[in-house]
Protein backbone atom coordinates (compact mmCIF):
# COMPACT_ATOMS: atom_id res chain seq x y z
CA MET A 1 -5.54 9.12 -21.98
CA LYS A 2 -3.30 6.54 -20.48
CA ASN A 3 -3.22 2.80 -20.97
CA ASN A 4 -0.61 0.65 -22.69
CA LEU A 5 -1.54 2.24 -26.02
CA PHE A 6 -1.06 5.73 -24.68
CA ILE A 7 2.16 4.82 -22.90
CA LEU A 8 3.53 3.71 -26.24
CA GLY A 9 2.19 6.87 -27.86
CA ALA A 10 3.13 9.47 -25.29
CA PHE A 11 5.96 7.92 -23.30
CA LEU A 12 7.64 5.41 -25.62
CA CYS A 13 6.74 6.71 -29.07
CA THR A 14 9.10 6.28 -32.01
CA ALA A 15 9.75 8.23 -35.20
CA LEU A 16 6.71 8.06 -37.49
CA PHE A 17 5.85 9.57 -40.85
CA VAL A 18 2.97 11.35 -42.58
CA THR A 19 0.55 9.43 -44.75
CA SER A 20 -2.19 11.91 -45.55
CA CYS A 21 -3.73 15.20 -44.55
CA THR A 22 -6.56 17.23 -46.00
CA ASP A 23 -6.10 20.97 -46.56
CA ASP A 24 -9.61 22.41 -46.50
CA ASN A 25 -8.75 26.10 -46.69
CA LYS A 26 -5.99 27.73 -48.72
CA ASN A 27 -7.20 31.30 -48.34
CA ASP A 28 -5.12 32.10 -45.27
CA ASP A 29 -1.99 31.99 -47.45
CA ASP A 30 -3.01 35.47 -48.57
CA ASN A 31 -3.03 36.86 -45.03
CA ASP A 32 -0.15 39.05 -43.90
CA GLY A 33 1.41 39.16 -40.47
CA LYS A 34 2.77 36.74 -37.91
CA ALA A 35 0.58 33.91 -36.67
CA SER A 36 -1.13 34.77 -33.41
CA ILE A 37 -1.93 31.13 -32.58
CA ILE A 38 0.41 28.14 -32.87
CA VAL A 39 -1.01 24.66 -32.31
CA GLY A 40 0.60 21.27 -31.89
CA ILE A 41 -1.42 18.39 -33.33
CA ASN A 42 -1.18 14.63 -32.97
CA MET A 43 -2.61 13.19 -36.19
CA GLN A 44 -3.43 9.73 -34.85
CA PRO A 45 -5.42 7.76 -35.86
CA GLN A 46 -5.36 9.35 -39.32
CA ALA A 47 -1.55 9.20 -39.45
CA ASP A 48 1.25 8.32 -37.07
CA MET A 49 2.86 11.77 -36.92
CA GLY A 50 2.17 15.32 -35.81
CA TYR A 51 2.15 18.93 -36.97
CA ILE A 52 2.95 22.37 -35.65
CA VAL A 53 0.51 24.71 -37.36
CA PRO A 54 0.50 28.54 -37.35
CA ILE A 55 -2.91 30.24 -37.42
CA GLN A 56 -2.97 33.89 -38.50
CA ASP A 57 -6.71 34.45 -38.27
CA MET A 58 -9.06 32.90 -35.70
CA ASN A 59 -11.92 33.56 -38.12
CA VAL A 60 -10.43 31.24 -40.72
CA GLY A 61 -13.09 28.58 -40.09
CA THR A 62 -10.99 25.54 -41.02
CA MET A 63 -7.30 25.39 -40.28
CA SER A 64 -4.94 25.26 -43.24
CA TYR A 65 -1.91 22.97 -43.19
CA THR A 66 -0.13 24.96 -45.91
CA ASN A 67 2.37 26.44 -43.44
CA ALA A 68 2.45 23.44 -41.12
CA VAL A 69 5.68 21.86 -39.88
CA GLU A 70 5.82 18.09 -39.60
CA THR A 71 6.84 16.59 -36.24
CA LYS A 72 6.65 13.38 -34.27
CA ILE A 73 3.31 12.53 -32.62
CA THR A 74 3.65 14.52 -29.37
CA PRO A 75 4.37 18.16 -30.30
CA TYR A 76 4.46 20.03 -26.99
CA LEU A 77 5.19 23.72 -27.48
CA MET A 78 6.82 26.44 -25.40
CA SER A 79 7.50 30.08 -26.24
CA TYR A 80 9.98 32.78 -25.28
CA ASN A 81 9.94 36.25 -26.81
CA ASP A 82 8.97 35.69 -30.45
CA TRP A 83 10.30 32.16 -30.57
CA VAL A 84 8.47 28.83 -30.63
CA PHE A 85 10.18 25.73 -29.21
CA TYR A 86 9.09 22.22 -30.10
CA VAL A 87 9.51 19.98 -27.04
CA PRO A 88 9.18 16.39 -28.25
CA GLY A 89 8.31 14.56 -25.04
CA THR A 90 9.44 10.98 -25.62
CA SER A 91 9.35 11.23 -29.41
CA GLU A 92 13.00 12.23 -29.62
CA GLY A 93 15.70 14.03 -27.69
CA THR A 94 16.03 17.13 -29.86
CA ILE A 95 14.45 20.56 -29.27
CA ILE A 96 13.76 22.60 -32.41
CA LYS A 97 13.50 26.39 -32.29
CA TYR A 98 11.32 28.37 -34.73
CA SER A 99 10.69 32.06 -35.27
CA ARG A 100 7.37 33.50 -36.44
CA GLN A 101 7.65 35.12 -39.85
CA ASP A 102 5.73 38.10 -41.23
CA ASN A 103 4.16 35.88 -43.91
CA GLY A 104 2.62 33.58 -41.30
CA THR A 105 5.18 30.80 -41.57
CA LEU A 106 7.59 29.33 -39.05
CA LYS A 107 11.32 29.38 -39.75
CA VAL A 108 13.74 26.91 -38.18
CA GLU A 109 16.34 28.84 -36.18
CA GLY A 110 18.25 26.01 -34.56
CA ARG A 111 18.27 22.59 -32.95
CA LEU A 112 19.63 21.22 -29.69
CA GLU A 113 20.22 17.60 -28.81
CA VAL A 114 19.15 17.32 -25.18
CA ALA A 115 19.05 13.59 -24.50
CA THR A 116 21.60 11.08 -25.72
CA ALA A 117 21.09 7.98 -23.55
CA ALA A 118 17.31 7.94 -24.20
CA PRO A 119 15.28 10.02 -26.68
CA MET A 120 13.30 12.16 -24.26
CA CYS A 121 12.97 15.88 -23.52
CA ALA A 122 10.28 17.09 -21.13
CA SER A 123 10.39 20.84 -20.51
CA ILE A 124 12.26 24.15 -20.89
CA ALA A 125 12.71 27.00 -18.42
CA PHE A 126 14.01 30.32 -19.78
CA VAL A 127 16.25 32.61 -17.73
CA SER A 128 17.23 35.11 -20.45
CA THR A 129 18.04 35.32 -24.15
CA THR A 130 21.36 33.65 -23.37
CA LYS A 131 20.41 31.05 -20.76
CA ALA A 132 17.78 28.34 -20.53
CA TYR A 133 17.36 24.86 -19.08
CA ALA A 134 15.94 21.68 -20.64
CA SER A 135 15.17 18.45 -18.78
CA ALA A 136 16.19 14.98 -19.95
CA PRO A 137 14.23 12.55 -17.71
CA ASN A 138 15.89 9.27 -18.65
CA ASP A 139 19.38 10.77 -18.85
CA ASN A 140 18.74 12.29 -15.41
CA LYS A 141 20.31 15.53 -16.55
CA ILE A 142 19.29 19.15 -16.95
CA ILE A 143 20.92 20.72 -19.97
CA ILE A 144 21.94 24.40 -19.88
CA PHE A 145 21.87 26.15 -23.24
CA ASN A 146 21.79 29.49 -25.03
CA PRO A 147 18.28 29.87 -26.52
CA THR A 148 19.49 32.45 -29.03
CA THR A 149 22.23 30.30 -30.55
CA MET A 150 20.83 26.90 -29.44
CA VAL A 151 24.29 25.91 -28.21
CA LYS A 152 24.73 23.78 -25.10
CA THR A 153 26.70 25.62 -22.42
CA GLY A 154 26.60 23.13 -19.55
CA GLU A 155 24.63 20.44 -17.75
CA ILE A 156 23.54 19.48 -14.25
CA ASN A 157 23.80 15.78 -13.48
CA VAL A 158 21.06 14.80 -11.02
CA ALA A 159 21.65 11.04 -11.20
CA LYS A 160 22.61 10.88 -7.54
CA PRO A 161 21.23 8.80 -4.65
CA GLU A 162 20.36 11.88 -2.59
CA TYR A 163 17.80 12.86 -5.27
CA GLY A 164 16.38 9.41 -5.97
CA LEU A 165 14.09 7.32 -3.78
CA ASP A 166 14.30 3.80 -2.37
CA GLY A 167 17.97 3.44 -3.18
CA SER A 168 17.74 4.69 -6.76
CA SER A 169 19.79 7.47 -8.36
CA THR A 170 17.11 8.34 -10.90
CA PRO A 171 14.91 11.32 -9.98
CA ASN A 172 13.79 11.64 -13.64
CA PRO A 173 13.51 15.45 -14.00
CA LEU A 174 10.32 16.54 -15.80
CA GLY A 175 8.76 20.00 -15.50
CA LEU A 176 10.92 23.08 -14.95
CA ILE A 177 9.97 26.54 -13.70
CA LEU A 178 12.06 29.49 -12.50
CA ARG A 179 11.05 31.60 -9.49
CA ASP A 180 13.11 34.13 -7.52
CA GLY A 181 16.48 32.82 -8.65
CA LYS A 182 15.60 29.16 -8.02
CA LEU A 183 14.91 26.46 -10.60
CA TYR A 184 12.14 24.13 -9.42
CA VAL A 185 12.34 20.68 -10.98
CA GLY A 186 9.43 18.24 -10.77
CA CYS A 187 10.81 14.72 -10.44
CA GLY A 188 9.02 11.70 -11.88
CA GLU A 189 10.84 9.21 -9.62
CA PHE A 190 9.66 6.41 -11.91
CA ASP A 191 9.32 2.80 -10.87
CA GLN A 192 8.50 1.99 -14.47
CA MET A 193 7.17 4.72 -16.73
CA PRO A 194 4.59 6.06 -16.28
CA ILE A 195 4.26 4.64 -12.75
CA CYS A 196 5.86 6.99 -10.23
CA LYS A 197 6.89 6.29 -6.68
CA SER A 198 4.35 7.68 -4.22
CA GLY A 199 4.53 11.31 -3.20
CA ALA A 200 5.41 14.59 -4.91
CA HIS A 201 9.10 15.42 -5.22
CA ILE A 202 10.66 18.75 -6.25
CA LEU A 203 14.38 19.38 -6.68
CA ILE A 204 15.45 22.99 -6.09
CA ILE A 205 18.51 24.36 -7.93
CA ASP A 206 20.24 27.71 -7.43
CA GLU A 207 20.13 29.45 -10.82
CA ALA A 208 23.19 31.67 -10.22
CA THR A 209 25.49 28.71 -9.58
CA ASP A 210 23.54 25.87 -11.24
CA THR A 211 23.92 23.93 -8.00
CA PRO A 212 21.22 21.63 -6.59
CA GLU A 213 20.32 22.75 -3.07
CA LYS A 214 17.78 20.24 -1.83
CA ILE A 215 14.86 18.00 -2.75
CA ILE A 216 11.51 18.42 -1.01
CA HIS A 217 8.73 15.86 -0.59
CA ASP A 218 4.99 15.74 0.06
CA THR A 219 2.97 12.56 0.56
CA ARG A 220 -0.54 13.98 0.10
CA LEU A 221 -0.45 13.86 -3.74
CA SER A 222 1.81 12.00 -6.18
CA ALA A 223 3.76 12.54 -9.43
CA ALA A 224 4.86 16.18 -9.51
CA SER A 225 4.84 18.09 -12.83
CA ILE A 226 4.84 16.64 -16.32
CA PHE A 227 5.93 17.37 -19.89
CA ASP A 228 5.54 21.01 -20.90
CA CYS A 229 6.11 21.98 -17.22
CA GLY A 230 2.93 21.32 -15.17
CA MET A 231 3.73 24.19 -12.77
CA PHE A 232 2.64 27.83 -12.66
CA ILE A 233 2.93 30.97 -10.52
CA ASP A 234 -0.04 33.13 -9.50
CA GLU A 235 -0.24 36.89 -8.96
CA LYS A 236 0.87 36.48 -5.35
CA GLY A 237 4.09 34.79 -6.42
CA ASP A 238 2.96 31.40 -5.08
CA LEU A 239 4.07 28.37 -7.06
CA TYR A 240 1.54 25.60 -7.82
CA VAL A 241 2.60 22.08 -8.72
CA THR A 242 0.36 19.81 -10.81
CA CYS A 243 0.40 16.24 -9.51
CA TRP A 244 -1.00 13.59 -11.86
CA GLY A 245 -1.00 10.55 -9.59
CA SER A 246 0.53 8.06 -12.06
CA TYR A 247 -2.57 8.45 -14.26
CA GLY A 248 -4.65 6.58 -11.70
CA TYR A 249 -2.78 3.29 -12.11
CA VAL A 250 -1.86 3.22 -8.41
CA PRO A 251 -5.07 3.33 -6.33
CA ASP A 252 -3.64 5.15 -3.31
CA GLN A 253 -1.96 7.89 -5.37
CA LYS A 254 -3.98 11.12 -5.55
CA PHE A 255 -3.93 13.87 -8.18
CA GLY A 256 -4.42 17.62 -7.92
CA LEU A 257 -2.32 20.64 -6.90
CA LEU A 258 0.18 21.45 -4.17
CA ARG A 259 1.63 24.86 -3.37
CA ILE A 260 5.00 26.36 -2.47
CA LYS A 261 4.33 29.87 -1.16
CA LYS A 262 6.38 32.90 -2.20
CA GLY A 263 9.51 33.15 -0.12
CA ALA A 264 9.32 29.47 0.87
CA THR A 265 11.17 26.43 -0.43
CA GLU A 266 8.94 23.81 1.21
CA PHE A 267 5.44 22.59 0.34
CA ASP A 268 2.67 24.57 2.02
CA PRO A 269 1.20 22.25 4.70
CA GLU A 270 -2.06 24.21 4.67
CA TYR A 271 -2.82 23.77 0.96
CA CYS A 272 -3.78 20.64 -0.97
CA PHE A 273 -6.26 20.71 -3.87
CA ASN A 274 -7.09 16.99 -3.85
CA MET A 275 -9.06 16.40 -7.04
CA SER A 276 -9.17 12.61 -6.65
CA ASP A 277 -11.49 12.51 -3.66
CA MET A 278 -13.92 15.29 -4.54
CA ASN A 279 -17.33 14.87 -6.18
CA VAL A 280 -17.23 17.15 -9.20
CA GLU A 281 -20.38 18.92 -10.35
CA GLY A 282 -21.40 17.99 -13.89
CA VAL A 283 -19.16 14.90 -14.10
CA GLN A 284 -20.69 11.47 -14.72
CA GLY A 285 -20.37 9.57 -11.46
CA GLY A 286 -18.78 12.63 -9.87
CA LYS A 287 -15.24 11.24 -9.99
CA LEU A 288 -12.19 12.03 -12.09
CA GLN A 289 -9.15 9.76 -12.38
CA TYR A 290 -6.36 12.18 -13.29
CA SER A 291 -5.42 15.39 -15.06
CA ILE A 292 -2.13 16.43 -16.61
CA SER A 293 -3.31 19.58 -18.39
CA ASN A 294 -4.41 22.87 -16.87
CA PHE A 295 -4.14 26.60 -17.51
CA TYR A 296 -4.13 29.40 -14.96
CA ALA A 297 -6.02 32.44 -16.28
CA GLY A 298 -5.59 34.70 -13.24
CA ASN A 299 -7.78 35.74 -10.30
CA GLY A 300 -7.88 32.18 -9.03
CA GLU A 301 -9.40 30.79 -12.26
CA LEU A 302 -7.93 27.46 -13.28
CA TYR A 303 -9.07 25.56 -16.38
CA VAL A 304 -8.56 21.82 -16.50
CA LEU A 305 -8.85 18.84 -18.84
CA ALA A 306 -9.39 15.68 -16.78
CA TYR A 307 -10.13 12.01 -17.42
CA CYS A 308 -13.40 10.45 -16.25
CA PRO A 309 -13.31 6.64 -15.91
CA ALA A 310 -17.10 6.40 -16.30
CA PHE A 311 -16.67 6.64 -20.09
CA ALA A 312 -13.84 4.13 -20.45
CA SER A 313 -14.47 0.66 -21.84
CA ALA A 314 -12.98 -2.53 -20.43
CA SER A 315 -10.21 -2.18 -23.01
CA PRO A 316 -9.95 1.61 -23.24
CA ASP A 317 -9.41 3.35 -26.57
CA TYR A 318 -7.79 6.63 -25.60
CA ILE A 319 -7.98 8.13 -29.07
CA ASN A 320 -11.60 7.39 -29.91
CA GLU A 321 -13.36 7.26 -26.53
CA LYS A 322 -14.54 10.64 -25.25
CA THR A 323 -13.45 10.45 -21.63
CA ASN A 324 -12.11 13.93 -20.82
CA TYR A 325 -14.08 16.85 -19.37
CA CYS A 326 -13.36 20.57 -19.65
CA LEU A 327 -13.57 22.05 -16.16
CA LYS A 328 -13.31 25.38 -14.37
CA ALA A 329 -11.72 25.36 -10.92
CA ASP A 330 -11.37 27.87 -8.11
CA LEU A 331 -7.70 27.63 -7.19
CA TYR A 332 -8.08 29.18 -3.75
CA ASN A 333 -11.32 27.57 -2.56
CA CYS A 334 -10.43 24.19 -4.13
CA THR A 335 -13.73 23.73 -5.97
CA MET A 336 -14.34 22.59 -9.53
CA LYS A 337 -17.20 22.01 -11.98
CA ALA A 338 -17.59 20.83 -15.55
CA LEU A 339 -18.11 23.40 -18.29
CA ASN A 340 -20.85 23.05 -20.89
CA LEU A 341 -18.43 21.79 -23.52
CA PRO A 342 -18.47 18.37 -25.17
CA ARG A 343 -16.18 15.66 -23.85
CA THR A 344 -12.99 14.98 -25.75
CA ASN A 345 -10.56 12.11 -26.15
CA GLY A 346 -7.86 11.17 -23.68
CA TYR A 347 -5.00 12.62 -25.72
CA SER A 348 -6.41 16.17 -25.54
CA CYS A 349 -4.09 18.51 -23.62
CA ALA A 350 -4.43 21.97 -25.21
CA ILE A 351 -5.73 24.94 -23.17
CA ASN A 352 -4.86 28.64 -23.42
CA LYS A 353 -6.37 32.13 -23.24
CA TYR A 354 -7.11 34.48 -26.14
CA GLY A 355 -8.70 37.77 -25.13
CA ASP A 356 -11.75 36.95 -23.01
CA ASP A 357 -11.90 33.39 -24.32
CA ILE A 358 -10.40 30.24 -22.90
CA LEU A 359 -9.37 28.01 -25.79
CA PHE A 360 -9.77 24.23 -25.51
CA GLY A 361 -8.51 21.83 -28.17
CA LEU A 362 -11.18 19.12 -28.38
CA ALA A 363 -11.81 16.00 -30.45
CA THR A 364 -15.47 15.35 -29.72
CA GLU A 365 -17.98 12.65 -30.61
CA GLN A 366 -20.64 14.73 -32.39
CA ASN A 367 -19.51 18.36 -32.22
CA GLY A 368 -16.41 18.17 -34.39
CA THR A 369 -12.70 18.59 -33.78
CA GLY A 370 -10.78 21.80 -33.24
CA ILE A 371 -10.58 24.87 -31.00
CA PHE A 372 -13.64 25.42 -28.78
CA THR A 373 -14.11 28.45 -26.51
CA TYR A 374 -15.42 29.39 -23.09
CA ASN A 375 -16.00 33.14 -22.67
CA ARG A 376 -14.99 34.32 -19.19
CA LYS A 377 -17.27 37.38 -19.29
CA THR A 378 -20.48 35.79 -20.61
CA ASN A 379 -19.90 32.21 -19.34
CA GLN A 380 -20.91 31.01 -22.80
CA CYS A 381 -19.37 27.93 -24.42
CA SER A 382 -19.12 27.30 -28.15
CA SER A 383 -21.13 24.31 -29.36
CA ALA A 384 -18.83 23.76 -32.33
CA PRO A 385 -15.15 24.52 -32.99
CA ILE A 386 -14.42 28.11 -33.95
CA VAL A 387 -11.47 26.70 -35.87
CA LYS A 388 -11.87 23.19 -37.27
CA THR A 389 -8.86 20.89 -37.27
CA GLN A 390 -7.97 17.24 -37.65
CA GLY A 391 -6.32 14.90 -35.17
CA THR A 392 -5.96 15.86 -31.51
CA LEU A 393 -4.68 19.20 -30.24
CA MET A 394 -1.76 18.60 -27.87
CA ASP A 395 -0.83 22.23 -27.24
CA ILE A 396 -1.78 25.84 -28.04
CA LEU A 397 0.49 28.90 -27.93
CA VAL A 398 -1.03 32.39 -28.02
CA PHE A 399 0.78 35.56 -29.09
CA GLU A 400 -1.24 38.72 -28.39
């Protein structure tokens, strides 16, 4: 997904506008009820913009854009209660809040300017209906706001030398997750975006006082967390940190997962899911270069989209080349294999769970574009999208 083209698209993208979009199915306008699926779509190369699209019925066949909301090209999505939050990545510095309506539409409920020095917002962590955090990587701040009113109530300035590396004061806060009264902040520690300094770095903040307590480090993997969080908590209360290894640009940086066990505020020295060095079953050449997108489904099941360099050309085309595999991993035994799903392009990030199905947003070479499924009970994969779309799916929210 990442070369200079992608860096411009996903890290340094500017405001772009719609040129065209085909609406193949108008019938879902007649459906009643709130949308159960919300998808974020990057419309490149058809158009340099994006959409947030509500889907009321997974049997619709082809997704309708009638109720779609136009965005910039990287529409990452987060949810809290019945709300949908558009997190723009590097497209802009403003979060937009929507509510799901009974007629299947999305209604704008408020906006919050998060970043002022540079147009970038990476992640949100929700504490309650009156308190949430949002990270501004280039401003080196974490904004505190009321998610009901979308009013800023404070900020935490992390532009301090004790949180930066090699003499810098720029930890570049990315993913945010709350556990046991502590806010865990993945720090990019950029040399030059998207190249991170080696190692994984997590800043820990006390939620009650909004006071940074310490920053922890691990040298086994690099580049901790990413836009739209990149961290999750399992049933045991253990916190897992996705490390994306500077997209493979730095040869000695590894990608995979690290762990901070429940009750601990240090990396677990006994756990490292190093995905860089393993030979992966079902992957051409056995090797993967990086992953930024995964979904934890429970019981140790982790689903991953990861980039395989075997399918990249000398001058990679991250929109059109089908380089990314869908994979199923065992979180606890640190094993992984490719699923019987077609490869997708490097922009593809969307994974979620709907009933017994794992949903993957894929833009494939011969099997179409849209939402594909892997059934956890039958181990069957769809050979075509159950919902056809255009563009590339960046994110999927599920309301069940």
